[in-house]
Protein backbone atom coordinates (compact mmCIF):
# COMPACT_ATOMS: atom_id res chain seq x y z
CA MET A 1 -34.79 86.24 30.39
CA ALA A 2 -32.03 84.03 31.77
CA GLU A 3 -31.93 82.32 28.44
CA GLU A 4 -31.10 85.57 26.70
CA GLY A 5 -28.17 86.34 29.04
CA PHE A 6 -24.53 86.22 28.18
CA GLU A 7 -22.41 83.14 27.54
CA VAL A 8 -18.93 82.52 28.89
CA PRO A 9 -16.97 80.28 26.51
CA SER A 10 -14.76 77.55 27.94
CA PRO A 11 -10.99 77.67 27.32
CA HIS A 12 -11.43 74.83 24.83
CA GLU A 13 -14.11 76.76 22.90
CA HIS A 14 -11.90 79.83 22.97
CA ALA A 15 -8.98 77.86 21.54
CA LEU A 16 -11.20 76.47 18.79
CA GLU A 17 -12.46 79.95 17.89
CA HIS A 18 -8.91 81.26 17.90
CA ALA A 19 -7.77 78.45 15.57
CA ALA A 20 -10.74 79.09 13.27
CA GLU A 21 -10.07 82.84 13.10
CA HIS A 22 -6.38 82.41 12.35
CA GLY A 23 -6.83 79.53 9.94
CA GLY A 24 -5.36 76.99 12.34
CA LYS A 25 -1.85 78.02 11.31
CA ASP A 26 -0.41 78.47 14.79
CA LYS A 27 3.14 77.20 14.36
CA PHE A 28 3.69 76.85 18.10
CA VAL A 29 0.70 74.52 18.45
CA GLY A 30 1.69 72.59 15.34
CA ARG A 31 5.25 72.01 16.53
CA ILE A 32 4.07 70.88 19.96
CA ALA A 33 1.46 68.57 18.44
CA VAL A 34 3.95 66.93 16.06
CA THR A 35 6.58 66.65 18.78
CA THR A 36 4.08 65.07 21.16
CA ALA A 37 2.98 62.55 18.54
CA ILE A 38 6.59 61.58 17.77
CA VAL A 39 7.55 61.36 21.44
CA ALA A 40 4.46 59.25 22.20
CA THR A 41 5.28 56.87 19.34
CA VAL A 42 8.90 56.47 20.40
CA GLY A 43 7.77 56.11 24.02
CA SER A 44 5.41 53.28 23.13
CA LEU A 45 8.20 51.45 21.31
CA PHE A 46 10.54 51.90 24.27
CA SER A 47 7.81 50.77 26.64
CA TYR A 48 7.36 47.59 24.60
CA GLN A 49 11.09 46.93 24.71
CA GLY A 50 11.09 47.50 28.46
CA GLY A 51 8.33 44.95 28.90
CA ALA A 52 10.10 42.45 26.67
CA THR A 53 13.36 42.71 28.58
CA GLN A 54 11.53 42.37 31.88
CA ALA A 55 9.83 39.21 30.62
CA ASN A 56 13.18 37.85 29.40
CA ALA A 57 14.78 38.57 32.78
CA THR A 58 12.01 36.62 34.48
CA ILE A 59 12.32 33.69 32.08
CA PHE A 60 16.10 33.60 32.49
CA LYS A 61 15.80 33.72 36.29
CA ASN A 62 13.32 30.84 36.09
CA ASN A 63 15.77 28.84 33.95
CA ALA A 64 18.47 29.52 36.54
CA ALA A 65 16.19 28.21 39.29
CA ILE A 66 15.48 25.06 37.26
CA LYS A 67 19.20 24.44 36.74
CA LYS A 68 19.88 25.06 40.44
CA THR A 69 17.23 22.49 41.33
CA GLU A 70 18.71 19.96 38.91
CA ALA A 71 22.17 20.63 40.37
CA ALA A 72 20.82 20.20 43.92
CA ASN A 73 19.34 16.85 42.89
CA GLN A 74 22.71 15.77 41.51
CA TRP A 75 24.47 16.88 44.70
CA ALA A 76 21.97 14.89 46.77
CA TYR A 77 22.66 11.88 44.56
CA TYR A 78 26.40 12.49 45.03
CA GLN A 79 25.87 12.59 48.79
CA ALA A 80 23.96 9.30 48.68
CA LYS A 81 26.84 7.68 46.77
CA SER A 82 29.28 9.11 49.33
CA SER A 83 27.27 7.56 52.14
CA ARG A 84 27.27 4.18 50.40
CA GLN A 85 30.99 4.47 49.76
CA ASN A 86 31.61 5.29 53.44
CA LEU A 87 29.49 2.33 54.55
CA SER A 88 31.38 0.01 52.18
CA GLU A 89 34.72 1.29 53.53
CA LEU A 90 33.47 0.76 57.09
CA ALA A 91 32.30 -2.73 56.19
CA ILE A 92 35.83 -3.59 55.00
CA LEU A 93 37.01 -2.99 58.55
CA LEU A 94 34.19 -4.91 60.17
CA VAL A 95 33.66 -8.04 58.03
CA PRO A 96 35.84 -11.13 57.82
CA ALA A 97 38.74 -11.09 55.34
CA ASN A 98 36.97 -13.35 52.83
CA LYS A 99 34.14 -10.75 52.39
CA GLN A 100 36.30 -7.62 52.28
CA GLU A 101 36.93 -7.85 48.54
CA LYS A 102 33.23 -7.35 47.69
CA PHE A 103 32.99 -4.22 49.86
CA ALA A 104 36.28 -2.87 48.44
CA ALA A 105 34.88 -3.27 44.90
CA ASP A 106 31.67 -1.51 45.97
CA ALA A 107 33.64 1.38 47.50
CA GLU A 108 35.68 1.74 44.30
CA ARG A 109 32.52 1.69 42.14
CA TYR A 110 30.85 4.35 44.31
CA SER A 111 33.95 6.52 44.06
CA LYS A 112 33.86 6.36 40.22
CA GLU A 113 30.11 7.00 40.14
CA LYS A 114 30.58 10.03 42.39
CA ALA A 115 33.11 11.50 39.98
CA ALA A 116 30.63 11.29 37.09
CA ILE A 117 27.82 12.75 39.23
CA LYS A 118 30.08 15.61 40.38
CA THR A 119 30.86 16.47 36.76
CA VAL A 120 27.15 16.71 35.93
CA ALA A 121 26.41 18.73 39.10
CA ASP A 122 29.25 21.18 38.39
CA LYS A 123 28.00 21.62 34.81
CA LEU A 124 24.47 22.36 36.05
CA ASP A 125 25.82 24.86 38.60
CA ALA A 126 27.71 26.64 35.80
CA GLU A 127 24.58 26.74 33.62
CA ALA A 128 22.57 28.18 36.52
CA LYS A 129 25.18 30.89 36.96
CA GLN A 130 25.02 31.73 33.24
CA TRP A 131 21.22 32.03 33.37
CA ASP A 132 21.51 34.27 36.45
CA GLU A 133 24.00 36.52 34.65
CA ARG A 134 21.75 36.74 31.59
CA SER A 135 18.81 37.61 33.83
CA ASP A 136 20.80 40.32 35.59
CA HIS A 137 21.84 41.79 32.23
CA GLU A 138 18.24 41.81 30.94
CA LEU A 139 17.02 43.40 34.17
CA HIS A 140 19.65 46.13 33.86
CA THR A 141 18.55 46.74 30.27
CA HIS A 142 14.91 46.78 31.41
CA HIS A 143 15.72 49.55 33.89
CA ARG A 144 17.27 51.60 31.10
CA TRP A 145 14.16 51.18 28.93
CA ALA A 146 11.91 52.08 31.88
CA GLN A 147 13.94 55.21 32.67
CA SER A 148 13.89 56.22 29.02
CA THR A 149 10.12 55.74 28.85
CA THR A 150 9.73 57.84 31.98
CA PHE A 151 11.69 60.72 30.44
CA LEU A 152 9.51 60.54 27.34
CA GLN A 153 6.35 60.58 29.46
CA VAL A 154 7.63 63.65 31.28
CA ALA A 155 8.28 65.29 27.90
CA ILE A 156 4.69 64.57 26.85
CA ALA A 157 3.32 66.05 30.07
CA LEU A 158 5.57 69.06 29.70
CA SER A 159 4.36 69.55 26.12
CA ALA A 160 0.79 69.80 27.41
CA ILE A 161 1.89 72.46 29.90
CA ALA A 162 3.81 74.29 27.16
CA LEU A 163 0.73 74.21 24.95
CA LEU A 164 -1.50 75.57 27.70
CA THR A 165 0.92 78.28 28.82
CA ARG A 166 2.37 78.98 25.36
CA ARG A 167 5.86 79.29 26.83
CA THR A 168 8.67 78.83 24.34
CA TRP A 169 11.17 77.89 27.04
CA LEU A 170 8.90 74.98 27.99
CA GLN A 171 8.88 73.91 24.37
CA TRP A 172 12.68 73.74 24.46
CA GLY A 173 12.40 71.79 27.72
CA VAL A 174 10.17 69.28 25.91
CA TYR A 175 12.80 68.89 23.19
CA GLY A 176 15.62 68.51 25.70
CA ILE A 177 13.88 65.94 27.91
CA ALA A 178 12.64 63.99 24.88
CA LEU A 179 16.14 63.98 23.40
CA PHE A 180 17.56 62.74 26.70
CA GLY A 181 14.90 59.98 26.78
CA VAL A 182 15.84 58.92 23.27
CA PHE A 183 19.54 58.95 24.23
CA TRP A 184 18.81 56.79 27.30
CA GLY A 185 16.77 54.40 25.15
CA SER A 186 19.66 54.18 22.72
CA ALA A 187 21.91 53.27 25.65
CA ALA A 188 19.51 50.42 26.46
CA LEU A 189 19.55 49.30 22.85
CA PHE A 190 23.32 49.15 22.66
């Protein structure tokens, strides 16, 4: 007898029956479905761009660290030449007059070598700064892409709520938030 009882359809079954009875021509559902598909597609593109800019920021920061290490090596080399120059200048004061000329020549050579090393170290420091700036720019752009993607995800979630509640004002909210997400993504692009 329990098998011959009544059946309570699920909301999904009810929606399918409703679509079948009305020929599936519910404009509200159609607009939400198309909007959701478009927003999801744009969101996936923006998400990809966000990931790419985040990867670039990491690579650029790594390049900056490499240049900083190279510059630090050059500065250590510069310091070693300075120490040798100082020792040669000290030796001039301590050795007999007939040996001073050799230490004076050494001090002069170390001074010239230091100048060349300093030029290389300064160049590496400048390159490190450029890589840091590029990384910061990419990270800023990444944040824009991420924010844009978030707005588009909110629009998709809101479209599901609009579909379930069949509220037109929610549909307009979907359009507004999606449009703002696209605008924010355009800001990241340019």
